[in-house]
Protein backbone atom coordinates (compact mmCIF):
# COMPACT_ATOMS: atom_id res chain seq x y z
CA MET A 1 -25.96 25.10 -6.84
CA MET A 2 -23.58 23.10 -4.71
CA LEU A 3 -24.50 20.84 -1.82
CA PHE A 4 -22.04 19.94 0.89
CA SER A 5 -22.61 17.34 3.60
CA LYS A 6 -21.56 17.64 7.21
CA LEU A 7 -22.87 16.09 10.41
CA ALA A 8 -25.39 18.12 12.36
CA PRO A 9 -24.39 19.28 15.89
CA THR A 10 -24.17 16.41 18.34
CA SER A 11 -26.74 17.91 20.70
CA MET A 12 -29.42 17.58 18.05
CA ASN A 13 -31.25 14.27 17.75
CA ARG A 14 -32.31 12.73 14.46
CA ARG A 15 -35.71 14.36 14.64
CA ALA A 16 -34.28 17.86 14.60
CA THR A 17 -31.60 17.76 11.94
CA ALA A 18 -31.41 20.27 9.10
CA ALA A 19 -30.94 20.41 5.38
CA VAL A 20 -29.10 23.33 3.91
CA GLY A 21 -28.62 24.25 0.27
CA LEU A 22 -26.12 26.93 -0.53
CA THR A 23 -25.03 28.96 -3.49
CA SER A 24 -21.48 30.23 -3.38
CA THR A 25 -18.87 31.80 -5.61
CA SER A 26 -15.11 31.58 -5.42
CA GLY A 27 -13.01 34.67 -4.97
CA SER A 28 -13.87 38.07 -3.51
CA GLY A 29 -16.97 39.15 -5.37
CA PRO A 30 -18.84 42.32 -4.33
CA GLY A 31 -22.10 42.60 -2.45
CA SER A 32 -22.61 39.10 -1.12
CA THR A 33 -26.01 38.68 0.52
CA LEU A 34 -27.46 36.04 2.80
CA CYS A 35 -30.94 34.69 2.35
CA ILE A 36 -32.05 32.40 5.15
CA PHE A 37 -35.35 30.62 4.71
CA LEU A 38 -36.20 28.47 7.70
CA PHE A 39 -39.10 26.10 7.28
CA PHE A 40 -40.28 24.35 10.43
CA ALA A 41 -42.30 21.30 9.53
CA SER A 42 -42.74 17.69 10.48
CA PHE A 43 -39.98 16.22 8.37
CA CYS A 44 -36.23 16.45 8.14
CA PHE A 45 -33.26 15.90 5.88
CA GLY A 46 -29.88 14.84 7.22
CA CYS A 47 -27.25 17.03 5.62
CA VAL A 48 -25.77 20.39 6.50
CA ALA A 49 -23.64 22.57 4.28
CA GLY A 50 -20.08 23.81 4.72
CA LEU A 51 -17.85 26.20 2.85
CA GLU A 52 -14.35 26.04 1.48
CA SER A 53 -11.99 28.81 2.54
CA ASP A 54 -12.05 30.56 -0.85
CA GLU A 55 -15.82 30.72 -1.14
CA ILE A 56 -18.28 33.46 -0.23
CA LEU A 57 -21.55 32.57 1.39
CA LYS A 58 -24.44 33.66 -0.82
CA GLN A 59 -27.54 31.78 0.35
CA VAL A 60 -28.56 29.33 3.04
CA HIS A 61 -31.79 27.36 3.00
CA VAL A 62 -32.54 25.44 6.18
CA ILE A 63 -35.36 22.90 6.48
CA THR A 64 -35.67 21.56 9.99
CA ARG A 65 -38.15 19.59 12.01
CA HIS A 66 -39.38 21.04 15.29
CA GLY A 67 -37.56 20.05 18.46
CA SER A 68 -38.54 17.36 20.93
CA ARG A 69 -42.18 17.61 21.98
CA HIS A 70 -44.71 15.98 24.25
CA VAL A 71 -46.65 12.94 23.05
CA LEU A 72 -48.82 13.49 19.99
CA ARG A 73 -51.76 11.17 19.38
CA LYS A 74 -53.15 10.74 15.89
CA ASP A 75 -56.40 9.38 14.51
CA SER A 76 -55.32 6.48 12.32
CA SER A 77 -58.19 7.06 9.86
CA ASP A 78 -56.81 10.35 8.58
CA LEU A 79 -53.73 11.08 10.74
CA SER A 80 -55.41 14.11 12.28
CA GLU A 81 -54.04 15.14 15.66
CA THR A 82 -55.98 14.29 18.80
CA VAL A 83 -55.49 16.51 21.85
CA VAL A 84 -56.05 14.68 25.14
CA SER A 85 -54.25 17.00 27.56
CA THR A 86 -53.14 20.62 27.43
CA THR A 87 -49.50 19.64 26.96
CA ASP A 88 -50.04 17.23 24.07
CA SER A 89 -47.62 17.92 21.19
CA MET A 90 -46.17 21.03 22.88
CA LEU A 91 -42.47 21.67 22.54
CA THR A 92 -40.50 20.62 25.61
CA ALA A 93 -37.58 22.37 27.28
CA ILE A 94 -35.25 19.89 25.57
CA GLY A 95 -36.86 20.69 22.24
CA GLN A 96 -36.34 24.41 22.76
CA ARG A 97 -32.69 23.83 23.61
CA GLN A 98 -32.20 21.61 20.56
CA LEU A 99 -33.29 24.37 18.21
CA TYR A 100 -31.39 27.04 20.13
CA ASP A 101 -28.23 24.93 19.81
CA LEU A 102 -28.89 24.51 16.10
CA GLY A 103 -29.13 28.30 15.73
CA VAL A 104 -25.83 28.74 17.57
CA TRP A 105 -24.21 26.07 15.43
CA LEU A 106 -25.43 27.63 12.18
CA ARG A 107 -24.11 31.02 13.24
CA GLU A 108 -20.72 29.65 14.25
CA THR A 109 -20.43 27.50 11.14
CA TYR A 110 -21.18 30.23 8.62
CA THR A 111 -19.27 33.02 10.33
CA LYS A 112 -16.11 30.96 10.83
CA THR A 113 -15.94 29.43 7.35
CA SER A 114 -17.10 32.31 5.19
CA THR A 115 -14.73 35.01 3.94
CA ASN A 116 -17.71 37.34 4.31
CA SER A 117 -17.92 36.68 8.06
CA SER A 118 -19.90 39.85 8.82
CA ILE A 119 -22.91 38.55 6.94
CA LEU A 120 -24.61 37.41 10.16
CA ASP A 121 -23.65 40.42 12.26
CA HIS A 122 -27.21 41.69 12.28
CA TYR A 123 -30.65 40.38 11.49
CA ASP A 124 -31.77 41.85 8.17
CA ARG A 125 -35.47 41.57 7.36
CA GLU A 126 -34.75 42.17 3.68
CA THR A 127 -32.59 39.07 3.28
CA MET A 128 -33.56 36.76 6.14
CA ARG A 129 -36.92 35.08 6.62
CA LEU A 130 -38.26 32.44 8.99
CA GLU A 131 -41.39 30.52 8.01
CA SER A 132 -43.29 27.89 9.98
CA SER A 133 -46.40 25.82 9.94
CA ALA A 134 -49.01 27.28 12.30
CA LEU A 135 -48.40 24.94 15.23
CA GLU A 136 -47.21 25.78 18.73
CA ARG A 137 -44.32 23.31 18.55
CA THR A 138 -43.06 24.63 15.22
CA VAL A 139 -43.42 28.36 15.90
CA THR A 140 -41.73 27.92 19.29
CA SER A 141 -38.96 25.97 17.56
CA ALA A 142 -38.46 28.85 15.14
CA ASN A 143 -38.27 31.34 18.00
CA SER A 144 -35.76 29.13 19.82
CA LEU A 145 -33.57 28.86 16.75
CA ALA A 146 -33.72 32.62 16.26
CA LEU A 147 -32.40 33.14 19.79
CA GLY A 148 -29.34 31.06 18.94
CA LEU A 149 -28.83 32.35 15.42
CA PHE A 150 -29.22 36.03 16.31
CA PRO A 151 -27.89 36.86 19.80
CA ASN A 152 -28.62 40.27 21.35
CA LYS A 153 -25.93 42.14 19.45
CA ALA A 154 -27.17 40.67 16.16
CA ARG A 155 -30.74 41.85 16.73
CA ASP A 156 -29.91 45.33 18.04
CA ALA A 157 -26.44 46.72 17.60
CA ASN A 158 -27.09 49.30 20.34
CA LEU A 159 -28.68 46.74 22.70
CA GLU A 160 -31.60 49.12 23.18
CA SER A 161 -34.64 47.54 24.78
CA LEU A 162 -37.31 48.48 27.31
CA LEU A 163 -38.16 44.84 27.93
CA PRO A 164 -36.97 43.00 31.07
CA VAL A 165 -35.82 40.06 28.94
CA MET A 166 -34.43 40.35 25.44
CA PRO A 167 -36.62 38.20 23.14
CA ALA A 168 -35.70 36.96 19.71
CA ASN A 169 -37.45 39.89 18.01
CA VAL A 170 -37.23 38.03 14.74
CA PRO A 171 -40.61 37.54 13.02
CA VAL A 172 -41.79 34.03 12.17
CA TYR A 173 -44.21 33.92 9.24
CA THR A 174 -46.96 31.31 9.11
CA HIS A 175 -49.91 30.35 6.95
CA ASP A 176 -53.38 29.81 8.37
CA ALA A 177 -53.67 26.09 9.10
CA ASP A 178 -56.78 25.70 6.92
CA ASN A 179 -55.02 27.24 3.94
CA ASP A 180 -51.54 25.82 4.43
CA ILE A 181 -50.80 23.90 1.26
CA TYR A 182 -47.20 25.02 1.43
CA ILE A 183 -45.67 23.29 4.46
CA ARG A 184 -48.40 21.17 6.03
CA ALA A 185 -50.75 19.95 3.34
CA TYR A 186 -51.33 16.23 3.87
CA ASP A 187 -54.39 16.76 6.09
CA LYS A 188 -56.15 18.62 3.25
CA CYS A 189 -55.45 16.14 0.46
CA PRO A 190 -58.33 13.77 -0.46
CA THR A 191 -55.98 11.65 -2.57
CA PHE A 192 -53.71 11.11 0.42
CA HIS A 193 -56.65 9.97 2.55
CA GLU A 194 -57.89 7.61 -0.16
CA ARG A 195 -54.47 6.04 -0.56
CA LEU A 196 -54.12 5.69 3.20
CA GLN A 197 -57.30 3.64 3.35
CA THR A 198 -56.16 1.61 0.34
CA LEU A 199 -52.93 0.85 2.19
CA TYR A 200 -54.82 -0.33 5.29
CA GLN A 201 -56.91 -2.70 3.15
CA SER A 202 -54.04 -4.06 1.07
CA ASP A 203 -52.96 -7.71 1.24
CA ASP A 204 -49.45 -6.72 2.29
CA TRP A 205 -50.79 -4.71 5.22
CA GLN A 206 -53.07 -7.50 6.36
CA GLN A 207 -50.29 -10.06 6.08
CA TYR A 208 -47.85 -7.94 8.05
CA SER A 209 -50.45 -7.43 10.74
CA SER A 210 -51.14 -11.17 10.90
CA VAL A 211 -47.47 -12.05 11.23
CA HIS A 212 -47.09 -9.69 14.20
CA GLN A 213 -50.32 -10.52 16.05
CA GLN A 214 -48.45 -11.69 19.16
CA PHE A 215 -46.48 -8.48 19.42
CA LEU A 216 -49.58 -6.34 18.83
CA ALA A 217 -51.35 -8.28 21.59
CA GLN A 218 -48.46 -7.65 23.97
CA LEU A 219 -48.69 -3.93 23.28
CA ALA A 220 -52.35 -4.02 24.30
CA GLN A 221 -51.33 -5.29 27.75
CA THR A 222 -49.36 -2.11 28.43
CA THR A 223 -51.48 0.35 30.40
CA TYR A 224 -50.56 3.38 28.33
CA PHE A 225 -51.35 1.65 25.03
CA GLN A 226 -54.67 0.11 26.04
CA PRO A 227 -56.72 3.05 24.67
CA PHE A 228 -55.43 2.10 21.21
CA SER A 229 -56.44 -1.56 21.45
CA ASN A 230 -59.53 -3.04 19.78
CA GLU A 231 -62.18 -5.57 20.80
CA ASN A 232 -59.83 -8.42 19.81
CA GLY A 233 -57.33 -7.41 22.46
CA ILE A 234 -54.61 -6.13 20.14
CA VAL A 235 -53.28 -2.75 19.10
CA PRO A 236 -54.12 -2.60 15.37
CA LEU A 237 -51.17 -2.05 13.09
CA GLN A 238 -52.50 1.33 11.99
CA GLU A 239 -52.36 2.49 15.63
CA VAL A 240 -48.68 1.63 16.07
CA TRP A 241 -47.79 5.26 15.30
CA ASN A 242 -49.18 6.17 18.72
CA VAL A 243 -47.04 3.47 20.33
CA TYR A 244 -43.90 4.54 18.51
CA ASP A 245 -44.42 8.20 19.30
CA ALA A 246 -44.75 7.60 23.04
CA VAL A 247 -41.61 5.45 23.07
CA GLN A 248 -39.66 8.00 21.01
CA VAL A 249 -40.67 10.84 23.33
CA ALA A 250 -39.63 8.77 26.35
CA ARG A 251 -36.25 8.00 24.80
CA THR A 252 -35.61 11.69 24.08
CA GLU A 253 -37.05 13.22 27.23
CA CYS A 254 -36.03 10.64 29.82
CA GLY A 255 -32.31 10.88 29.55
CA GLU A 256 -30.10 9.43 32.24
CA GLY A 257 -30.41 11.39 35.45
CA ARG A 258 -33.50 13.38 34.47
CA GLU A 259 -35.98 13.68 37.34
CA SER A 260 -38.92 13.08 35.01
CA SER A 261 -37.64 9.70 33.84
CA ALA A 262 -39.30 7.51 36.45
CA ALA A 263 -42.60 9.33 36.24
CA PHE A 264 -42.73 9.08 32.48
CA LEU A 265 -41.86 5.43 32.43
CA ASP A 266 -44.51 4.79 35.09
CA LEU A 267 -46.97 6.46 32.75
CA LEU A 268 -46.22 3.87 30.08
CA GLY A 269 -46.94 1.09 32.56
CA GLY A 270 -46.34 -2.49 31.53
């Protein structure tokens, strides 16, 4: 097993980078196969693999976070997701494009650098597999990546379709959310919940919260963050995830010149 590091495509933000492990052999060995396992989950690693000119691509394993999404609120007691509006946590147009661009980049990278450049000519269900947690934002991310990784000619060599728009037509496998101990397991782990409460009650946590009381009080004055404040007029430290997430979404979605920028920033208030 060899791991190579390379920067992810510039259009991807830090929350949608990928980790790839590859196995390769030097020389012109027979019967090289490609196994792509794409896991879409809420974490990421920051390295991507490359190949030397005398190596043959054998396997690629990609672990990527979903693309940019709408705000996601969490219950601080157990980190369960709280849906307030119909768009909460849904993948955005930018998020879809991020994963599409990643698919294009992966295809270009491994067809240009591999001596077995035909390995991605067509989607092969026997050697390629996409897996995702059972969430709208992750499954949609997988579909978006598939569109970039497998363009029309890679999904159907004859371009035969009775559909008005050519979809990815690449299956994305998921596990039922209640039984997913494979990709998304933290919300089913009693030990995790116990340790989370222990963290909240620890001296270090209490001290850190005390040191930043003024800042937490300032957050409570912001209209958008007021629902997370307590009777003491501060946003408790354990609720800062909800503050961070809103700010991160705004930074990603409200790029310079985007029409939604002003409206989103108005939503945050202040």
